[in-house]
Each structure stands twice: as C-alpha cells, then as structure tokens.
Amino acid sequence: MEQLKTWSFTQLLTKFERMPIYLYIPLAYLALFALLFPVGLLTEWLHISDKIVNSQNMPSNIFLKYLFVVIAGPIIETFLYQALPYYFFNLFQFFRRNVWIIILVSSIGFGLAHDFSTQHSINATFTGFILMSTYIIRTKNKDPFLCTYLVHAFFNFMAVSLSYFI
C-alpha cells in the first residue's frame, strides 16, 4: 500500500518560493479568494455593514479607473505596505526572527488605509495578509515586488471588472 506523502510547512513554503511566477500568482489569488469568502460570510453573520462611509474619489471614466485601481494603486501600495515595512522591520533582528509580526503590522496598515467601510477594511486587512506573505515568500526568489504587485493588480482588475459587468 502506497503511503500518502505529508508535507511540512517549511517544505510547502519552499515549493512556493521556487514556483514560477505564472503559477504562483493564480495560486495566491485563489488563496486570497479562499480567505475572503469565509471572512465575507462572517461579516454578514455579524451584521457588519458595507455602507460606504468614506468617499473613494474614484473617476467615473472606466479607463481612468483601471489606470488608477489596477496599475498605479497596486504599485504605490506594494511599495508602502509591503516593501517599505519589510525592509524597515528587517533592520531589526527581533523582527527577522518573528516574521509574523511584520505580516500583522503590514496587514493592519493595509486594512486601515482602505477605510471605505468597516467590511472593506476587514477584507483589506486579510488581503494585506496575503500580499505581505507573498512579498516575504517571494523574497528568496528575487521577485517579491513584481509578484506582489501582480497579485494585487489582478485582484483589483477582477474587482473593478466585476463591479462594471455584473
């Protein structure tokens, strides 16, 4: 009888580190969706409103919206909420040993920056978790910024597209 191969967390991280970017991005997007789906159900169950409390000041022109939300926004946010915290916190030995703190601080900052509504902030915090994890995982592959940017841009592309066409 053939035994099932069990993978340790370290082995799994190594697989993700070495995975080609064209495979990693769809997997990260699926992980993001798998994380946000139960979070959405939980916010519904807890009756957390999705009422917009802060104007997003987004252009109504679809081309400009794609330009800002899909291209420019993820570049700026990847720098501010993934690259900058990663390199700053890595100056300290304590944070290099406790990477989860870097992920937590970055995720909360990302969520607070997306304060359009309570539900949106909660979703953005979990999105920030996936994005910062991606940044850290892909650092050894020397493509953390590009990979994190592409995951973020693809997520925003799908969000904008679905808001227009569904």
Foldseek 3Di string as FASTA:
>chain_A
DDDDDDDDPVRVLVCLQPDDLVVNLVVLLVVLVVVVVVLVVVCVVVVFDPQFPDDPPQDPDLVRNLCVQQPVVLLVLCVVLAVVLVVVQVVDPVCVVVVVVSLQVSLLVQLVVQVRGPSSSVSSSSVSSSLNVQLVSNVVVVCSSVSSSNSSSVVSVVVSVVVPPD
